């Protein structure tokens, strides 16, 4: 369990670092990021100190197997409910259910109603919400 916590803390550190780098580069936080795919590409292009093979990522074209941690990127123009559904599908027994234990939603926008409509799909996991240029906290489950 300590190694899973360590990996989660590493993911949090990477996301915090990426946010800092964006601020340092002078990009307006109101303009970045537009879409979750932009965030995911930023993670995959080596801007992170962890390899994409250490966690699962949505959205992503690449599948590196199933990992204990899933990072779900939601940009301002994304359909939050669709991203939540994609994460729920990832947790299905026919996909990575049983392996993925932690889900981190790294978001520029959020929809609490959509979360509550689909939160039952996340039982058995620890879901986290990390708001870009905001805070982080554990999401409640029914």
Protein backbone atom coordinates (compact mmCIF):
# COMPACT_ATOMS: atom_id res chain seq x y z
CA UNK A 1 0.00 0.00 0.00
CA UNK A 2 2.88 2.38 0.71
CA UNK A 3 4.21 1.96 -2.83
CA UNK A 4 0.76 2.86 -4.23
CA UNK A 5 0.68 5.96 -2.00
CA UNK A 6 4.20 6.83 -3.13
CA UNK A 7 3.18 6.56 -6.79
CA UNK A 8 0.13 8.73 -6.14
CA UNK A 9 2.26 11.37 -4.43
CA UNK A 10 4.64 11.25 -7.39
CA UNK A 11 1.72 11.84 -9.79
CA UNK A 12 0.57 14.79 -7.64
CA UNK A 13 4.11 16.22 -7.66
CA UNK A 14 4.30 15.90 -11.44
CA UNK A 15 0.94 17.63 -11.94
CA UNK A 16 1.97 20.42 -9.55
CA UNK A 17 5.25 20.82 -11.42
CA UNK A 18 3.51 20.95 -14.80
CA UNK A 19 1.18 23.67 -13.54
CA UNK A 20 4.17 25.64 -12.25
CA UNK A 21 5.96 25.27 -15.60
CA UNK A 22 2.91 26.57 -17.44
CA UNK A 23 2.78 29.61 -15.15
CA UNK A 24 6.52 30.21 -15.54
CA UNK A 25 6.23 30.07 -19.32
CA UNK A 26 3.74 32.92 -19.02
CA UNK A 27 0.70 31.25 -20.48
CA UNK A 28 -2.58 32.74 -19.32
CA UNK A 29 -4.34 30.28 -17.03
CA UNK A 30 -7.63 31.24 -18.68
CA UNK A 31 -6.30 30.04 -22.04
CA UNK A 32 -4.70 26.77 -20.94
CA UNK A 33 -5.72 24.01 -21.38
CA UNK A 34 -8.58 23.96 -23.82
CA UNK A 35 -8.90 20.19 -24.18
CA UNK A 36 -7.91 17.16 -22.15
CA UNK A 37 -6.00 15.82 -25.13
CA UNK A 38 -3.76 18.91 -24.91
CA UNK A 39 -3.04 18.11 -21.26
CA UNK A 40 -2.40 14.46 -22.07
CA UNK A 41 -0.01 15.35 -24.91
CA UNK A 42 1.84 17.67 -22.51
CA UNK A 43 2.26 14.73 -20.12
CA UNK A 44 3.31 12.32 -22.89
CA UNK A 45 5.84 14.64 -24.54
CA UNK A 46 8.34 14.32 -21.73
CA UNK A 47 7.20 17.31 -19.70
CA UNK A 48 6.66 14.92 -16.80
CA UNK A 49 9.21 13.16 -14.62
CA UNK A 50 7.21 9.93 -14.79
CA UNK A 51 6.79 7.78 -17.82
CA UNK A 52 3.33 7.22 -19.33
CA UNK A 53 4.11 3.52 -18.86
CA UNK A 54 3.80 4.08 -15.07
CA UNK A 55 0.12 5.08 -15.20
CA UNK A 56 -2.88 4.90 -17.50
CA UNK A 57 -3.99 8.10 -19.21
CA UNK A 58 -7.30 9.34 -20.63
CA UNK A 59 -7.42 10.59 -23.33
CA UNK A 60 -4.65 8.61 -24.97
CA UNK A 61 -4.10 6.66 -28.15
CA UNK A 62 -1.51 4.46 -26.47
CA UNK A 63 -2.30 1.66 -24.05
CA UNK A 64 0.58 0.51 -21.89
CA UNK A 65 -1.29 -2.22 -20.04
CA UNK A 66 -3.20 -1.70 -16.82
CA UNK A 67 -1.69 0.22 -13.92
CA UNK A 68 -2.82 1.01 -10.37
CA UNK A 69 -3.19 4.71 -11.21
CA UNK A 70 -5.34 6.31 -13.92
CA UNK A 71 -4.95 10.03 -14.77
CA UNK A 72 -7.98 11.55 -16.53
CA UNK A 73 -7.38 14.93 -18.17
CA UNK A 74 -10.31 17.30 -18.65
CA UNK A 75 -9.83 20.61 -20.49
CA UNK A 76 -12.19 23.58 -20.51
CA UNK A 77 -13.79 22.54 -23.82
CA UNK A 78 -14.17 18.86 -22.94
CA UNK A 79 -17.40 17.12 -22.05
CA UNK A 80 -16.77 16.31 -18.38
CA UNK A 81 -19.42 13.60 -18.31
CA UNK A 82 -17.84 11.88 -21.32
CA UNK A 83 -14.43 11.83 -19.60
CA UNK A 84 -16.02 10.38 -16.44
CA UNK A 85 -17.70 7.68 -18.57
CA UNK A 86 -14.36 6.88 -20.24
CA UNK A 87 -12.78 6.44 -16.81
CA UNK A 88 -15.68 4.23 -15.70
CA UNK A 89 -15.22 2.08 -18.83
CA UNK A 90 -11.51 1.80 -18.00
CA UNK A 91 -12.52 0.31 -14.63
CA UNK A 92 -14.77 -2.33 -16.19
CA UNK A 93 -13.82 -5.95 -15.34
CA UNK A 94 -13.10 -6.59 -19.03
CA UNK A 95 -10.55 -3.78 -19.11
CA UNK A 96 -8.51 -2.70 -16.05
CA UNK A 97 -11.00 -3.32 -13.26
CA UNK A 98 -9.25 -4.87 -10.28
CA UNK A 99 -5.88 -3.38 -11.27
CA UNK A 100 -6.64 0.34 -11.25
CA UNK A 101 -7.17 1.45 -7.66
CA UNK A 102 -6.64 5.21 -7.89
CA UNK A 103 -8.25 7.61 -10.37
CA UNK A 104 -6.94 11.19 -10.59
CA UNK A 105 -9.12 13.64 -12.50
CA UNK A 106 -6.82 16.53 -13.53
CA UNK A 107 -9.32 19.15 -14.64
CA UNK A 108 -9.74 22.68 -15.91
CA UNK A 109 -13.52 22.35 -15.41
CA UNK A 110 -15.75 19.99 -13.44
CA UNK A 111 -19.38 18.89 -13.30
CA UNK A 112 -20.47 17.63 -9.87
CA UNK A 113 -23.80 16.45 -11.26
CA UNK A 114 -22.06 14.24 -13.82
CA UNK A 115 -19.80 12.88 -11.10
CA UNK A 116 -22.77 11.88 -8.93
CA UNK A 117 -24.55 10.25 -11.87
CA UNK A 118 -21.54 7.97 -12.49
CA UNK A 119 -19.75 7.80 -9.13
CA UNK A 120 -21.11 4.33 -8.39
CA UNK A 121 -18.82 3.00 -11.14
CA UNK A 122 -15.81 4.04 -9.05
CA UNK A 123 -16.53 1.87 -5.99
CA UNK A 124 -13.39 0.01 -4.99
CA UNK A 125 -11.16 2.89 -6.14
CA UNK A 126 -9.91 6.08 -4.56
CA UNK A 127 -10.93 8.97 -6.84
CA UNK A 128 -9.17 12.35 -6.60
CA UNK A 129 -10.02 15.70 -8.13
CA UNK A 130 -7.09 18.00 -8.96
CA UNK A 131 -8.22 21.36 -10.30
CA UNK A 132 -5.69 23.02 -12.59
CA UNK A 133 -4.56 26.24 -10.92
CA UNK A 134 -6.71 25.21 -7.94
CA UNK A 135 -6.71 22.62 -5.20
CA UNK A 136 -7.01 18.89 -4.83
CA UNK A 137 -9.15 16.57 -2.77
CA UNK A 138 -10.62 13.12 -2.62
CA UNK A 139 -13.99 12.71 -4.34
CA UNK A 140 -16.90 11.25 -2.40
CA UNK A 141 -18.47 7.96 -3.39
CA UNK A 142 -22.10 6.95 -2.78
